[in-house]
Amino acid sequence: MALLAMALAAAAGHRSGLAIVAAGVCAAVAITGLLVFESTVHRDRVDQHETPHLLSDSYVPEPPWKGHEHEERPERGWS
């Protein structure tokens, strides 16, 4: 955001050389950020799960401490 503001301020001040440099660096940073974000999302989908759906959390594995509802639990006695 700061680079975009610098580019706009340089353009408004009739400094075309600085405006071009600031705009170029701003574009390079934005493109690099998008590439890093997209590669991270792609790697997460490959390694972990598919795209999560808003109404379905089936991609989340069941925690090991959560037992099955139909499974009988042994009763513990006070001895």
N, C-alpha and C. Protein backbone atom coordinates (compact mmCIF):
# COMPACT_ATOMS: atom_id res chain seq x y z
N MET A 1 0.83 -1.18 0.00
CA MET A 1 0.00 0.00 0.00
C MET A 1 0.88 1.25 0.00
N ALA A 2 1.98 1.18 0.74
CA ALA A 2 2.85 2.35 0.79
C ALA A 2 3.48 2.63 -0.57
N LEU A 3 3.84 1.57 -1.29
CA LEU A 3 4.43 1.77 -2.61
C LEU A 3 3.42 2.36 -3.59
N LEU A 4 2.17 1.95 -3.47
CA LEU A 4 1.14 2.52 -4.32
C LEU A 4 0.95 4.00 -4.01
N ALA A 5 0.97 4.34 -2.74
CA ALA A 5 0.85 5.74 -2.34
C ALA A 5 2.05 6.55 -2.84
N MET A 6 3.23 5.97 -2.77
CA MET A 6 4.42 6.67 -3.29
C MET A 6 4.33 6.89 -4.79
N ALA A 7 3.83 5.88 -5.51
CA ALA A 7 3.70 6.01 -6.96
C ALA A 7 2.69 7.11 -7.30
N LEU A 8 1.59 7.14 -6.60
CA LEU A 8 0.59 8.17 -6.86
C LEU A 8 1.10 9.56 -6.50
N ALA A 9 1.83 9.66 -5.39
CA ALA A 9 2.37 10.96 -4.99
C ALA A 9 3.43 11.44 -5.98
N ALA A 10 4.25 10.51 -6.47
CA ALA A 10 5.26 10.88 -7.45
C ALA A 10 4.63 11.31 -8.76
N ALA A 11 3.55 10.63 -9.16
CA ALA A 11 2.85 11.01 -10.38
C ALA A 11 2.20 12.37 -10.24
N ALA A 12 1.65 12.64 -9.06
CA ALA A 12 1.01 13.93 -8.83
C ALA A 12 2.04 15.05 -8.77
N GLY A 13 3.26 14.74 -8.36
CA GLY A 13 4.32 15.74 -8.28
C GLY A 13 5.12 15.87 -9.55
N HIS A 14 4.64 15.28 -10.64
CA HIS A 14 5.29 15.35 -11.95
C HIS A 14 6.71 14.78 -11.93
N ARG A 15 6.91 13.71 -11.18
CA ARG A 15 8.19 13.00 -11.16
C ARG A 15 7.95 11.63 -11.79
N SER A 16 7.94 11.60 -13.09
CA SER A 16 7.55 10.38 -13.80
C SER A 16 8.54 9.24 -13.59
N GLY A 17 9.81 9.53 -13.45
CA GLY A 17 10.80 8.47 -13.22
C GLY A 17 10.55 7.75 -11.90
N LEU A 18 10.31 8.51 -10.84
CA LEU A 18 10.03 7.90 -9.53
C LEU A 18 8.69 7.18 -9.53
N ALA A 19 7.72 7.73 -10.25
CA ALA A 19 6.41 7.08 -10.32
C ALA A 19 6.50 5.73 -11.00
N ILE A 20 7.28 5.64 -12.06
CA ILE A 20 7.43 4.37 -12.78
C ILE A 20 8.15 3.34 -11.91
N VAL A 21 9.19 3.77 -11.21
CA VAL A 21 9.93 2.86 -10.32
C VAL A 21 9.03 2.36 -9.19
N ALA A 22 8.32 3.28 -8.55
CA ALA A 22 7.45 2.89 -7.43
C ALA A 22 6.31 2.00 -7.90
N ALA A 23 5.73 2.29 -9.05
CA ALA A 23 4.64 1.46 -9.57
C ALA A 23 5.16 0.08 -9.97
N GLY A 24 6.35 0.01 -10.54
CA GLY A 24 6.93 -1.28 -10.90
C GLY A 24 7.22 -2.14 -9.69
N VAL A 25 7.79 -1.53 -8.66
CA VAL A 25 8.07 -2.28 -7.43
C VAL A 25 6.76 -2.70 -6.76
N CYS A 26 5.76 -1.82 -6.79
CA CYS A 26 4.45 -2.16 -6.22
C CYS A 26 3.85 -3.36 -6.93
N ALA A 27 3.91 -3.37 -8.25
CA ALA A 27 3.37 -4.49 -9.03
C ALA A 27 4.15 -5.77 -8.75
N ALA A 28 5.47 -5.67 -8.65
CA ALA A 28 6.29 -6.86 -8.37
C ALA A 28 5.97 -7.45 -7.00
N VAL A 29 5.80 -6.60 -6.01
CA VAL A 29 5.46 -7.08 -4.67
C VAL A 29 4.08 -7.73 -4.66
N ALA A 30 3.12 -7.12 -5.35
CA ALA A 30 1.76 -7.68 -5.40
C ALA A 30 1.75 -9.04 -6.09
N ILE A 31 2.46 -9.15 -7.20
CA ILE A 31 2.50 -10.42 -7.93
C ILE A 31 3.20 -11.50 -7.11
N THR A 32 4.30 -11.14 -6.47
CA THR A 32 5.01 -12.11 -5.63
C THR A 32 4.13 -12.57 -4.47
N GLY A 33 3.41 -11.66 -3.86
CA GLY A 33 2.51 -12.03 -2.76
C GLY A 33 1.41 -12.96 -3.21
N LEU A 34 0.83 -12.69 -4.36
CA LEU A 34 -0.21 -13.58 -4.89
C LEU A 34 0.34 -14.96 -5.23
N LEU A 35 1.53 -15.00 -5.79
CA LEU A 35 2.14 -16.30 -6.12
C LEU A 35 2.43 -17.12 -4.87
N VAL A 36 2.94 -16.47 -3.84
CA VAL A 36 3.22 -17.18 -2.58
C VAL A 36 1.92 -17.69 -1.97
N PHE A 37 0.89 -16.86 -1.97
CA PHE A 37 -0.40 -17.27 -1.41
C PHE A 37 -0.98 -18.45 -2.18
N GLU A 38 -1.00 -18.37 -3.50
CA GLU A 38 -1.56 -19.44 -4.31
C GLU A 38 -0.78 -20.73 -4.18
N SER A 39 0.54 -20.65 -4.10
CA SER A 39 1.32 -21.88 -3.95
C SER A 39 1.09 -22.51 -2.58
N THR A 40 0.89 -21.69 -1.56
CA THR A 40 0.59 -22.22 -0.23
C THR A 40 -0.77 -22.89 -0.22
N VAL A 41 -1.76 -22.28 -0.83
CA VAL A 41 -3.10 -22.88 -0.90
C VAL A 41 -3.06 -24.19 -1.68
N HIS A 42 -2.35 -24.20 -2.79
CA HIS A 42 -2.25 -25.43 -3.60
C HIS A 42 -1.57 -26.55 -2.81
N ARG A 43 -0.50 -26.23 -2.13
CA ARG A 43 0.21 -27.25 -1.35
C ARG A 43 -0.65 -27.78 -0.21
N ASP A 44 -1.43 -26.89 0.41
CA ASP A 44 -2.32 -27.31 1.49
C ASP A 44 -3.40 -28.25 0.96
N ARG A 45 -3.93 -27.96 -0.22
CA ARG A 45 -4.95 -28.83 -0.79
C ARG A 45 -4.38 -30.19 -1.16
N VAL A 46 -3.15 -30.22 -1.63
CA VAL A 46 -2.52 -31.49 -2.01
C VAL A 46 -2.19 -32.32 -0.77
N ASP A 47 -1.64 -31.69 0.24
CA ASP A 47 -1.18 -32.42 1.43
C ASP A 47 -2.28 -32.71 2.43
N GLN A 48 -3.18 -31.78 2.64
CA GLN A 48 -4.13 -31.90 3.75
C GLN A 48 -5.52 -32.36 3.32
N HIS A 49 -6.17 -31.59 2.49
CA HIS A 49 -7.56 -31.86 2.15
C HIS A 49 -7.96 -31.05 0.93
N GLU A 50 -9.15 -31.33 0.48
CA GLU A 50 -9.68 -30.54 -0.62
C GLU A 50 -10.19 -29.22 -0.07
N THR A 51 -10.73 -28.43 -0.94
CA THR A 51 -11.26 -27.13 -0.53
C THR A 51 -12.36 -27.33 0.51
N PRO A 52 -12.27 -26.66 1.65
CA PRO A 52 -13.33 -26.80 2.65
C PRO A 52 -14.64 -26.20 2.14
N HIS A 53 -15.73 -26.81 2.51
CA HIS A 53 -17.04 -26.32 2.13
C HIS A 53 -17.68 -25.67 3.34
N LEU A 54 -18.43 -24.63 3.10
CA LEU A 54 -19.02 -23.86 4.19
C LEU A 54 -19.97 -24.69 5.04
N LEU A 55 -20.78 -25.52 4.41
CA LEU A 55 -21.80 -26.26 5.13
C LEU A 55 -21.39 -27.68 5.51
N SER A 56 -20.18 -28.07 5.18
CA SER A 56 -19.74 -29.43 5.47
C SER A 56 -18.32 -29.38 6.02
N ASP A 57 -18.12 -29.94 7.19
CA ASP A 57 -16.78 -29.98 7.75
C ASP A 57 -16.23 -31.40 7.71
N SER A 58 -16.59 -32.15 6.69
CA SER A 58 -16.18 -33.54 6.61
C SER A 58 -14.69 -33.71 6.35
N TYR A 59 -14.00 -32.63 5.95
CA TYR A 59 -12.56 -32.74 5.71
C TYR A 59 -11.77 -32.75 7.03
N VAL A 60 -12.42 -32.39 8.12
CA VAL A 60 -11.76 -32.36 9.42
C VAL A 60 -11.78 -33.77 9.99
N PRO A 61 -10.62 -34.34 10.33
CA PRO A 61 -10.62 -35.69 10.88
C PRO A 61 -11.24 -35.71 12.28
N GLU A 62 -11.83 -36.82 12.62
CA GLU A 62 -12.44 -36.96 13.94
C GLU A 62 -11.34 -37.08 14.99
N PRO A 63 -11.43 -36.30 16.07
CA PRO A 63 -10.38 -36.36 17.08
C PRO A 63 -10.35 -37.73 17.75
N PRO A 64 -9.16 -38.17 18.18
CA PRO A 64 -9.04 -39.51 18.75
C PRO A 64 -9.77 -39.67 20.09
N TRP A 65 -10.00 -38.59 20.80
CA TRP A 65 -10.66 -38.69 22.10
C TRP A 65 -12.17 -38.82 21.96
N LYS A 66 -12.70 -38.55 20.78
CA LYS A 66 -14.13 -38.63 20.58
C LYS A 66 -14.49 -40.06 20.20
N GLY A 67 -15.25 -40.71 21.08
CA GLY A 67 -15.63 -42.10 20.82
C GLY A 67 -16.86 -42.18 19.94
N HIS A 68 -17.13 -43.38 19.49
CA HIS A 68 -18.32 -43.60 18.68
C HIS A 68 -19.53 -43.65 19.61
N GLU A 69 -20.65 -43.16 19.15
CA GLU A 69 -21.84 -43.12 19.99
C GLU A 69 -22.40 -44.52 20.25
N HIS A 70 -22.21 -45.42 19.32
CA HIS A 70 -22.77 -46.77 19.47
C HIS A 70 -21.84 -47.71 20.23
N GLU A 71 -20.67 -47.25 20.54
CA GLU A 71 -19.70 -48.09 21.23
C GLU A 71 -20.01 -48.10 22.72
N GLU A 72 -20.03 -49.29 23.30
CA GLU A 72 -20.31 -49.39 24.74
C GLU A 72 -19.04 -49.11 25.52
N ARG A 73 -19.21 -48.35 26.56
CA ARG A 73 -18.06 -48.02 27.41
C ARG A 73 -18.09 -48.91 28.65
N PRO A 74 -16.93 -49.41 29.06
CA PRO A 74 -16.91 -50.24 30.27
C PRO A 74 -17.18 -49.37 31.49
N GLU A 75 -17.95 -49.94 32.42
CA GLU A 75 -18.27 -49.19 33.64
C GLU A 75 -17.11 -49.30 34.61
N ARG A 76 -16.85 -48.22 35.28
CA ARG A 76 -15.76 -48.22 36.26
C ARG A 76 -16.34 -48.35 37.66
N GLY A 77 -15.75 -49.21 38.40
CA GLY A 77 -16.20 -49.40 39.78
C GLY A 77 -15.34 -48.61 40.76
N TRP A 78 -15.91 -48.33 41.91
CA TRP A 78 -15.17 -47.62 42.97
C TRP A 78 -14.57 -48.65 43.89
N SER A 79 -13.36 -49.05 43.66
CA SER A 79 -12.76 -50.06 44.54
C SER A 79 -11.56 -49.50 45.25
